[in-house]
């Protein structure tokens, strides 16, 4: 009877070792997966920040371009106004 109990104990110990090995494997897989998730989240955050910065720069450049266009138009109006005044002055002199 004790021989049978010893065999049963050996079988249970073997099963226990197998389960422990499986747990180690699963823990390693989970840690690797968590590491991958962390890396992907970091990449996503970097991409979102990059997109935000590009968008911000784009809107800044669009605003600057619009201001430059408005300034050019204003300069043309002022220049046109000066030309008209000069032409009017020339006509008056004659």
PDB file of N, CA and C in Angstrom:
ATOM      1  N   UNK A   1       0.813  -1.188   0.000  1.00  0.00           N
ATOM      2  CA  UNK A   1       0.000   0.000   0.000  1.00  0.00           C
ATOM      3  C   UNK A   1       0.861   1.257   0.000  1.00  0.00           C
ATOM      4  N   UNK A   2       1.912   1.279   0.754  1.00  0.00           N
ATOM      5  CA  UNK A   2       2.747   2.455   0.796  1.00  0.00           C
ATOM      6  C   UNK A   2       3.434   2.679  -0.546  1.00  0.00           C
ATOM      7  N   UNK A   3       3.705   1.585  -1.279  1.00  0.00           N
ATOM      8  CA  UNK A   3       4.294   1.697  -2.603  1.00  0.00           C
ATOM      9  C   UNK A   3       3.326   2.413  -3.548  1.00  0.00           C
ATOM     10  N   UNK A   4       2.051   2.066  -3.438  1.00  0.00           N
ATOM     11  CA  UNK A   4       1.020   2.695  -4.261  1.00  0.00           C
ATOM     12  C   UNK A   4       0.893   4.180  -3.914  1.00  0.00           C
ATOM     13  N   UNK A   5       0.964   4.511  -2.636  1.00  0.00           N
ATOM     14  CA  UNK A   5       0.889   5.901  -2.182  1.00  0.00           C
ATOM     15  C   UNK A   5       2.097   6.680  -2.691  1.00  0.00           C
ATOM     16  N   UNK A   6       3.275   6.039  -2.654  1.00  0.00           N
ATOM     17  CA  UNK A   6       4.487   6.695  -3.149  1.00  0.00           C
ATOM     18  C   UNK A   6       4.379   6.960  -4.651  1.00  0.00           C
ATOM     19  N   UNK A   7       3.838   5.997  -5.403  1.00  0.00           N
ATOM     20  CA  UNK A   7       3.644   6.198  -6.843  1.00  0.00           C
ATOM     21  C   UNK A   7       2.667   7.353  -7.097  1.00  0.00           C
ATOM     22  N   UNK A   8       1.606   7.371  -6.335  1.00  0.00           N
ATOM     23  CA  UNK A   8       0.612   8.444  -6.464  1.00  0.00           C
ATOM     24  C   UNK A   8       1.248   9.795  -6.125  1.00  0.00           C
ATOM     25  N   UNK A   9       2.060   9.818  -5.092  1.00  0.00           N
ATOM     26  CA  UNK A   9       2.757  11.049  -4.708  1.00  0.00           C
ATOM     27  C   UNK A   9       3.713  11.494  -5.822  1.00  0.00           C
ATOM     28  N   UNK A  10       4.426  10.549  -6.410  1.00  0.00           N
ATOM     29  CA  UNK A  10       5.352  10.870  -7.504  1.00  0.00           C
ATOM     30  C   UNK A  10       4.580  11.439  -8.694  1.00  0.00           C
ATOM     31  N   UNK A  11       3.446  10.858  -9.003  1.00  0.00           N
ATOM     32  CA  UNK A  11       2.612  11.338 -10.118  1.00  0.00           C
ATOM     33  C   UNK A  11       2.130  12.762  -9.832  1.00  0.00           C
ATOM     34  N   UNK A  12       1.671  12.998  -8.610  1.00  0.00           N
ATOM     35  CA  UNK A  12       1.187  14.328  -8.230  1.00  0.00           C
ATOM     36  C   UNK A  12       2.318  15.358  -8.267  1.00  0.00           C
ATOM     37  N   UNK A  13       3.510  14.972  -7.809  1.00  0.00           N
ATOM     38  CA  UNK A  13       4.649  15.889  -7.852  1.00  0.00           C
ATOM     39  C   UNK A  13       5.027  16.228  -9.303  1.00  0.00           C
ATOM     40  N   UNK A  14       4.977  15.218 -10.169  1.00  0.00           N
ATOM     41  CA  UNK A  14       5.284  15.442 -11.586  1.00  0.00           C
ATOM     42  C   UNK A  14       4.265  16.407 -12.193  1.00  0.00           C
ATOM     43  N   UNK A  15       3.006  16.181 -11.905  1.00  0.00           N
ATOM     44  CA  UNK A  15       1.949  17.077 -12.401  1.00  0.00           C
ATOM     45  C   UNK A  15       2.159  18.497 -11.875  1.00  0.00           C
ATOM     46  N   UNK A  16       2.525  18.572 -10.605  1.00  0.00           N
ATOM     47  CA  UNK A  16       2.764  19.873  -9.982  1.00  0.00           C
ATOM     48  C   UNK A  16       3.912  20.608 -10.690  1.00  0.00           C
ATOM     49  N   UNK A  17       5.011  19.881 -10.983  1.00  0.00           N
ATOM     50  CA  UNK A  17       6.137  20.488 -11.698  1.00  0.00           C
ATOM     51  C   UNK A  17       5.707  20.961 -13.087  1.00  0.00           C
ATOM     52  N   UNK A  18       4.920  20.151 -13.779  1.00  0.00           N
ATOM     53  CA  UNK A  18       4.439  20.532 -15.113  1.00  0.00           C
ATOM     54  C   UNK A  18       3.593  21.802 -15.034  1.00  0.00           C
ATOM     55  N   UNK A  19       2.720  21.856 -14.040  1.00  0.00           N
ATOM     56  CA  UNK A  19       1.882  23.051 -13.877  1.00  0.00           C
ATOM     57  C   UNK A  19       2.729  24.288 -13.578  1.00  0.00           C
ATOM     58  N   UNK A  20       3.752  24.106 -12.723  1.00  0.00           N
ATOM     59  CA  UNK A  20       4.631  25.228 -12.404  1.00  0.00           C
ATOM     60  C   UNK A  20       5.374  25.711 -13.651  1.00  0.00           C
ATOM     61  N   UNK A  21       5.822  24.763 -14.483  1.00  0.00           N
ATOM     62  CA  UNK A  21       6.498  25.138 -15.726  1.00  0.00           C
ATOM     63  C   UNK A  21       5.536  25.885 -16.657  1.00  0.00           C
ATOM     64  N   UNK A  22       4.310  25.397 -16.728  1.00  0.00           N
ATOM     65  CA  UNK A  22       3.303  26.061 -17.565  1.00  0.00           C
ATOM     66  C   UNK A  22       3.030  27.481 -17.065  1.00  0.00           C
ATOM     67  N   UNK A  23       2.944  27.619 -15.742  1.00  0.00           N
ATOM     68  CA  UNK A  23       2.713  28.942 -15.161  1.00  0.00           C
ATOM     69  C   UNK A  23       3.877  29.871 -15.505  1.00  0.00           C
ATOM     70  N   UNK A  24       5.115  29.363 -15.405  1.00  0.00           N
ATOM     71  CA  UNK A  24       6.272  30.180 -15.771  1.00  0.00           C
ATOM     72  C   UNK A  24       6.195  30.611 -17.231  1.00  0.00           C
ATOM     73  N   UNK A  25       5.818  29.685 -18.101  1.00  0.00           N
ATOM     74  CA  UNK A  25       5.704  30.001 -19.533  1.00  0.00           C
ATOM     75  C   UNK A  25       4.632  31.067 -19.750  1.00  0.00           C
ATOM     76  N   UNK A  26       3.484  30.900 -19.107  1.00  0.00           N
ATOM     77  CA  UNK A  26       2.396  31.875 -19.268  1.00  0.00           C
ATOM     78  C   UNK A  26       2.781  33.246 -18.703  1.00  0.00           C
ATOM     79  N   UNK A  27       3.469  33.236 -17.567  1.00  0.00           N
ATOM     80  CA  UNK A  27       3.913  34.498 -16.976  1.00  0.00           C
ATOM     81  C   UNK A  27       4.873  35.197 -17.931  1.00  0.00           C
ATOM     82  N   UNK A  28       5.804  34.440 -18.517  1.00  0.00           N
ATOM     83  CA  UNK A  28       6.751  35.024 -19.466  1.00  0.00           C
ATOM     84  C   UNK A  28       6.003  35.590 -20.676  1.00  0.00           C
ATOM     85  N   UNK A  29       5.029  34.850 -21.182  1.00  0.00           N
ATOM     86  CA  UNK A  29       4.239  35.329 -22.325  1.00  0.00           C
ATOM     87  C   UNK A  29       3.494  36.614 -21.963  1.00  0.00           C
ATOM     88  N   UNK A  30       2.911  36.639 -20.775  1.00  0.00           N
ATOM     89  CA  UNK A  30       2.188  37.834 -20.340  1.00  0.00           C
ATOM     90  C   UNK A  30       3.116  39.029 -20.185  1.00  0.00           C
ATOM     91  N   UNK A  31       4.291  38.812 -19.615  1.00  0.00           N
ATOM     92  CA  UNK A  31       5.256  39.898 -19.458  1.00  0.00           C
ATOM     93  C   UNK A  31       5.722  40.414 -20.824  1.00  0.00           C
ATOM     94  N   UNK A  32       5.956  39.481 -21.751  1.00  0.00           N
ATOM     95  CA  UNK A  32       6.347  39.891 -23.107  1.00  0.00           C
ATOM     96  C   UNK A  32       5.226  40.684 -23.772  1.00  0.00           C
ATOM     97  N   UNK A  33       4.003  40.215 -23.593  1.00  0.00           N
ATOM     98  CA  UNK A  33       2.847  40.908 -24.176  1.00  0.00           C
ATOM     99  C   UNK A  33       2.703  42.299 -23.565  1.00  0.00           C
ATOM    100  N   UNK A  34       2.870  42.398 -22.245  1.00  0.00           N
ATOM    101  CA  UNK A  34       2.785  43.699 -21.579  1.00  0.00           C
ATOM    102  C   UNK A  34       3.872  44.644 -22.079  1.00  0.00           C
ATOM    103  N   UNK A  35       5.054  44.096 -22.293  1.00  0.00           N
ATOM    104  CA  UNK A  35       6.153  44.912 -22.810  1.00  0.00           C
ATOM    105  C   UNK A  35       5.827  45.407 -24.221  1.00  0.00           C
ATOM    106  N   UNK A  36       5.284  44.517 -25.048  1.00  0.00           N
ATOM    107  CA  UNK A  36       4.886  44.909 -26.410  1.00  0.00           C
ATOM    108  C   UNK A  36       3.803  45.979 -26.375  1.00  0.00           C
ATOM    109  N   UNK A  37       2.837  45.808 -25.493  1.00  0.00           N
ATOM    110  CA  UNK A  37       1.753  46.790 -25.365  1.00  0.00           C
ATOM    111  C   UNK A  37       2.320  48.142 -24.939  1.00  0.00           C
ATOM    112  N   UNK A  38       3.236  48.120 -23.985  1.00  0.00           N
ATOM    113  CA  UNK A  38       3.856  49.365 -23.515  1.00  0.00           C
ATOM    114  C   UNK A  38       4.593  50.062 -24.660  1.00  0.00           C
ATOM    115  N   UNK A  39       5.357  49.289 -25.426  1.00  0.00           N
ATOM    116  CA  UNK A  39       6.090  49.860 -26.558  1.00  0.00           C
ATOM    117  C   UNK A  39       5.132  50.438 -27.597  1.00  0.00           C
ATOM    118  N   UNK A  40       4.067  49.724 -27.889  1.00  0.00           N
ATOM    119  CA  UNK A  40       3.092  50.202 -28.874  1.00  0.00           C
ATOM    120  C   UNK A  40       2.378  51.467 -28.390  1.00  0.00           C
ATOM    121  N   UNK A  41       2.060  51.506 -27.101  1.00  0.00           N
ATOM    122  CA  UNK A  41       1.428  52.714 -26.552  1.00  0.00           C
ATOM    123  C   UNK A  41       2.370  53.905 -26.655  1.00  0.00           C
ATOM    124  N   UNK A  42       3.643  53.659 -26.384  1.00  0.00           N
ATOM    125  CA  UNK A  42       4.634  54.738 -26.480  1.00  0.00           C
ATOM    126  C   UNK A  42       4.749  55.225 -27.927  1.00  0.00           C
ATOM    127  N   UNK A  43       4.763  54.294 -28.867  1.00  0.00           N
ATOM    128  CA  UNK A  43       4.814  54.671 -30.281  1.00  0.00           C
ATOM    129  C   UNK A  43       3.570  55.455 -30.670  1.00  0.00           C
ATOM    130  N   UNK A  44       2.416  55.014 -30.187  1.00  0.00           N
ATOM    131  CA  UNK A  44       1.162  55.706 -30.482  1.00  0.00           C
ATOM    132  C   UNK A  44       1.181  57.120 -29.917  1.00  0.00           C
ATOM    133  N   UNK A  45       1.644  57.260 -28.685  1.00  0.00           N
ATOM    134  CA  UNK A  45       1.737  58.592 -28.072  1.00  0.00           C
ATOM    135  C   UNK A  45       2.675  59.494 -28.860  1.00  0.00           C
ATOM    136  N   UNK A  46       3.805  58.930 -29.307  1.00  0.00           N
ATOM    137  CA  UNK A  46       4.748  59.713 -30.098  1.00  0.00           C
ATOM    138  C   UNK A  46       4.127  60.152 -31.417  1.00  0.00           C
ATOM    139  N   UNK A  47       3.391  59.244 -32.054  1.00  0.00           N
ATOM    140  CA  UNK A  47       2.740  59.590 -33.319  1.00  0.00           C
ATOM    141  C   UNK A  47       1.657  60.648 -33.119  1.00  0.00           C
ATOM    142  N   UNK A  48       0.899  60.521 -32.037  1.00  0.00           N
ATOM    143  CA  UNK A  48      -0.136  61.512 -31.754  1.00  0.00           C
ATOM    144  C   UNK A  48       0.487  62.877 -31.481  1.00  0.00           C
ATOM    145  N   UNK A  49       1.579  62.887 -30.737  1.00  0.00           N
ATOM    146  CA  UNK A  49       2.277  64.147 -30.462  1.00  0.00           C
ATOM    147  C   UNK A  49       2.823  64.746 -31.756  1.00  0.00           C
ATOM    148  N   UNK A  50       3.377  63.891 -32.596  1.00  0.00           N
ATOM    149  CA  UNK A  50       3.906  64.359 -33.890  1.00  0.00           C
ATOM    150  C   UNK A  50       2.783  64.953 -34.734  1.00  0.00           C
ATOM    151  N   UNK A  51       1.641  64.249 -34.792  1.00  0.00           N
ATOM    152  CA  UNK A  51       0.486  64.755 -35.544  1.00  0.00           C
ATOM    153  C   UNK A  51       0.027  66.102 -34.997  1.00  0.00           C
ATOM    154  N   UNK A  52      -0.025  66.202 -33.684  1.00  0.00           N
ATOM    155  CA  UNK A  52      -0.458  67.444 -33.044  1.00  0.00           C
ATOM    156  C   UNK A  52       0.489  68.585 -33.390  1.00  0.00           C
ATOM    157  N   UNK A  53       1.791  68.311 -33.343  1.00  0.00           N
ATOM    158  CA  UNK A  53       2.782  69.337 -33.660  1.00  0.00           C
ATOM    159  C   UNK A  53       2.700  69.735 -35.136  1.00  0.00           C
ATOM    160  N   UNK A  54       2.524  68.759 -36.018  1.00  0.00           N
ATOM    161  CA  UNK A  54       2.404  69.053 -37.449  1.00  0.00           C
ATOM    162  C   UNK A  54       1.165  69.902 -37.692  1.00  0.00           C
ATOM    163  N   UNK A  55       0.071  69.525 -37.052  1.00  0.00           N
ATOM    164  CA  UNK A  55      -1.170  70.285 -37.209  1.00  0.00           C
ATOM    165  C   UNK A  55      -0.994  71.711 -36.702  1.00  0.00           C
ATOM    166  N   UNK A  56      -0.350  71.850 -35.559  1.00  0.00           N
ATOM    167  CA  UNK A  56      -0.119  73.167 -34.971  1.00  0.00           C
ATOM    168  C   UNK A  56       0.757  74.014 -35.895  1.00  0.00           C
ATOM    169  N   UNK A  57       1.833  73.416 -36.404  1.00  0.00           N
ATOM    170  CA  UNK A  57       2.725  74.135 -37.312  1.00  0.00           C
ATOM    171  C   UNK A  57       2.014  74.497 -38.606  1.00  0.00           C
ATOM    172  N   UNK A  58       1.179  73.574 -39.087  1.00  0.00           N
ATOM    173  CA  UNK A  58       0.450  73.821 -40.328  1.00  0.00           C
ATOM    174  C   UNK A  58      -0.501  75.004 -40.155  1.00  0.00           C
ATOM    175  N   UNK A  59      -1.234  75.034 -39.060  1.00  0.00           N
ATOM    176  CA  UNK A  59      -2.164  76.138 -38.843  1.00  0.00           C
ATOM    177  C   UNK A  59      -1.403  77.449 -38.646  1.00  0.00           C
ATOM    178  N   UNK A  60      -0.240  77.386 -37.991  1.00  0.00           N
ATOM    179  CA  UNK A  60       0.587  78.588 -37.815  1.00  0.00           C
ATOM    180  C   UNK A  60       1.046  79.099 -39.174  1.00  0.00           C
ATOM    181  N   UNK A  61       1.507  78.177 -40.027  1.00  0.00           N
ATOM    182  CA  UNK A  61       1.985  78.582 -41.353  1.00  0.00           C
ATOM    183  C   UNK A  61       0.845  79.124 -42.213  1.00  0.00           C
ATOM    184  N   UNK A  62      -0.341  78.506 -42.095  1.00  0.00           N
ATOM    185  CA  UNK A  62      -1.490  79.004 -42.852  1.00  0.00           C
ATOM    186  C   UNK A  62      -1.855  80.410 -42.396  1.00  0.00           C
ATOM    187  N   UNK A  63      -1.850  80.650 -41.108  1.00  0.00           N
ATOM    188  CA  UNK A  63      -2.154  81.968 -40.569  1.00  0.00           C
ATOM    189  C   UNK A  63      -1.116  82.986 -41.022  1.00  0.00           C
ATOM    190  N   UNK A  64       0.151  82.598 -40.972  1.00  0.00           N
ATOM    191  CA  UNK A  64       1.222  83.491 -41.405  1.00  0.00           C
ATOM    192  C   UNK A  64       1.083  83.801 -42.897  1.00  0.00           C
ATOM    193  N   UNK A  65       0.780  82.785 -43.704  1.00  0.00           N
ATOM    194  CA  UNK A  65       0.608  83.000 -45.141  1.00  0.00           C
ATOM    195  C   UNK A  65      -0.572  83.937 -45.397  1.00  0.00           C
ATOM    196  N   UNK A  66      -1.657  83.747 -44.665  1.00  0.00           N
ATOM    197  CA  UNK A  66      -2.830  84.611 -44.832  1.00  0.00           C
ATOM    198  C   UNK A  66      -2.480  86.052 -44.466  1.00  0.00           C
ATOM    199  N   UNK A  67      -1.734  86.242 -43.383  1.00  0.00           N
ATOM    200  CA  UNK A  67      -1.321  87.591 -42.982  1.00  0.00           C
ATOM    201  C   UNK A  67      -0.410  88.210 -44.040  1.00  0.00           C
ATOM    202  N   UNK A  68       0.491  87.391 -44.592  1.00  0.00           N
ATOM    203  CA  UNK A  68       1.384  87.894 -45.648  1.00  0.00           C
ATOM    204  C   UNK A  68       0.586  88.322 -46.874  1.00  0.00           C
ATOM    205  N   UNK A  69      -0.407  87.527 -47.247  1.00  0.00           N
ATOM    206  CA  UNK A  69      -1.263  87.868 -48.398  1.00  0.00           C
ATOM    207  C   UNK A  69      -1.995  89.174 -48.133  1.00  0.00           C
ATOM    208  N   UNK A  70      -2.555  89.290 -46.935  1.00  0.00           N
ATOM    209  CA  UNK A  70      -3.271  90.523 -46.577  1.00  0.00           C
ATOM    210  C   UNK A  70      -2.320  91.724 -46.596  1.00  0.00           C
ATOM    211  N   UNK A  71      -1.100  91.532 -46.117  1.00  0.00           N
ATOM    212  CA  UNK A  71      -0.123  92.618 -46.109  1.00  0.00           C
ATOM    213  C   UNK A  71       0.245  93.016 -47.532  1.00  0.00           C
ATOM    214  N   UNK A  72       0.412  92.050 -48.408  1.00  0.00           N
ATOM    215  CA  UNK A  72       0.734  92.339 -49.808  1.00  0.00           C
ATOM    216  C   UNK A  72      -0.403  93.113 -50.457  1.00  0.00           C
ATOM    217  N   UNK A  73      -1.630  92.679 -50.198  1.00  0.00           N
ATOM    218  CA  UNK A  73      -2.783  93.380 -50.764  1.00  0.00           C
ATOM    219  C   UNK A  73      -2.857  94.812 -50.231  1.00  0.00           C
ATOM    220  N   UNK A  74      -2.602  94.967 -48.955  1.00  0.00           N
ATOM    221  CA  UNK A  74      -2.620  96.296 -48.350  1.00  0.00           C
ATOM    222  C   UNK A  74      -1.520  97.174 -48.962  1.00  0.00           C
ATOM    223  N   UNK A  75      -0.333  96.592 -49.166  1.00  0.00           N
ATOM    224  CA  UNK A  75       0.759  97.339 -49.791  1.00  0.00           C
ATOM    225  C   UNK A  75       0.408  97.754 -51.215  1.00  0.00           C
ATOM    226  N   UNK A  76      -0.260  96.866 -51.941  1.00  0.00           N
ATOM    227  CA  UNK A  76      -0.683  97.199 -53.305  1.00  0.00           C
ATOM    228  C   UNK A  76      -1.668  98.355 -53.292  1.00  0.00           C
ATOM    229  N   UNK A  77      -2.609  98.309 -52.342  1.00  0.00           N
ATOM    230  CA  UNK A  77      -3.592  99.397 -52.237  1.00  0.00           C
ATOM    231  C   UNK A  77      -2.890 100.711 -51.924  1.00  0.00           C
ATOM    232  N   UNK A  78      -1.954 100.665 -50.977  1.00  0.00           N
ATOM    233  CA  UNK A  78      -1.226 101.883 -50.614  1.00  0.00           C
ATOM    234  C   UNK A  78      -0.395 102.395 -51.788  1.00  0.00           C
ATOM    235  N   UNK A  79       0.246 101.480 -52.484  1.00  0.00           N
ATOM    236  CA  UNK A  79       1.065 101.860 -53.623  1.00  0.00           C
ATOM    237  C   UNK A  79       0.185 102.438 -54.734  1.00  0.00           C
ATOM    238  N   UNK A  80      -0.960 101.816 -54.939  1.00  0.00           N
ATOM    239  CA  UNK A  80      -1.902 102.291 -55.950  1.00  0.00           C
ATOM    240  C   UNK A  80      -2.402 103.682 -55.577  1.00  0.00           C
ATOM    241  N   UNK A  81      -2.677 103.885 -54.321  1.00  0.00           N
ATOM    242  CA  UNK A  81      -3.117 105.188 -53.830  1.00  0.00           C
ATOM    243  C   UNK A  81      -2.050 106.244 -54.041  1.00  0.00           C
ATOM    244  N   UNK A  82      -0.788 105.911 -53.826  1.00  0.00           N
ATOM    245  CA  UNK A  82       0.315 106.851 -54.041  1.00  0.00           C
ATOM    246  C   UNK A  82       0.458 107.175 -55.520  1.00  0.00           C
ATOM    247  N   UNK A  83       0.300 106.175 -56.373  1.00  0.00           N
ATOM    248  CA  UNK A  83       0.400 106.393 -57.816  1.00  0.00           C
ATOM    249  C   UNK A  83      -0.703 107.318 -58.299  1.00  0.00           C
ATOM    250  N   UNK A  84      -1.893 107.127 -57.800  1.00  0.00           N
ATOM    251  CA  UNK A  84      -3.007 107.985 -58.204  1.00  0.00           C
ATOM    252  C   UNK A  84      -2.751 109.418 -57.754  1.00  0.00           C
ATOM    253  N   UNK A  85      -2.236 109.561 -56.569  1.00  0.00           N
ATOM    254  CA  UNK A  85      -1.939 110.897 -56.052  1.00  0.00           C
ATOM    255  C   UNK A  85      -0.858 111.547 -56.907  1.00  0.00           C
ATOM    256  N   UNK A  86       0.155 110.797 -57.266  1.00  0.00           N
ATOM    257  CA  UNK A  86       1.242 111.332 -58.075  1.00  0.00           C
ATOM    258  C   UNK A  86       0.723 111.737 -59.455  1.00  0.00           C
ATOM    259  N   UNK A  87      -0.119 110.897 -60.045  1.00  0.00           N
ATOM    260  CA  UNK A  87      -0.677 111.217 -61.358  1.00  0.00           C
ATOM    261  C   UNK A  87      -1.569 112.444 -61.268  1.00  0.00           C
ATOM    262  N   UNK A  88      -2.329 112.532 -60.224  1.00  0.00           N
ATOM    263  CA  UNK A  88      -3.198 113.688 -60.033  1.00  0.00           C
ATOM    264  C   UNK A  88      -2.354 114.946 -59.864  1.00  0.00           C
ATOM    265  N   UNK A  89      -1.279 114.852 -59.111  1.00  0.00           N
ATOM    266  CA  UNK A  89      -0.388 115.995 -58.919  1.00  0.00           C
ATOM    267  C   UNK A  89       0.249 116.416 -60.244  1.00  0.00           C
ATOM    268  N   UNK A  90       0.627 115.447 -61.053  1.00  0.00           N
ATOM    269  CA  UNK A  90       1.234 115.751 -62.355  1.00  0.00           C
ATOM    270  C   UNK A  90       0.239 116.474 -63.249  1.00  0.00           C
ATOM    271  N   UNK A  91      -1.007 116.054 -63.245  1.00  0.00           N
ATOM    272  CA  UNK A  91      -2.021 116.704 -64.077  1.00  0.00           C
ATOM    273  C   UNK A  91      -2.255 118.141 -63.613  1.00  0.00           C
ATOM    274  N   UNK A  92      -2.198 118.336 -62.344  1.00  0.00           N
ATOM    275  CA  UNK A  92      -2.425 119.688 -61.814  1.00  0.00           C
ATOM    276  C   UNK A  92      -1.285 120.642 -62.205  1.00  0.00           C
ATOM    277  N   UNK A  93      -0.077 120.121 -62.282  1.00  0.00           N
ATOM    278  CA  UNK A  93       1.068 120.952 -62.634  1.00  0.00           C
ATOM    279  C   UNK A  93       0.976 121.436 -64.074  1.00  0.00           C
ATOM    280  N   UNK A  94       0.391 120.675 -64.962  1.00  0.00           N
ATOM    281  CA  UNK A  94       0.321 121.036 -66.370  1.00  0.00           C
ATOM    282  C   UNK A  94      -0.699 122.035 -66.586  1.00  0.00           C
TER     283      UNK A  94
END
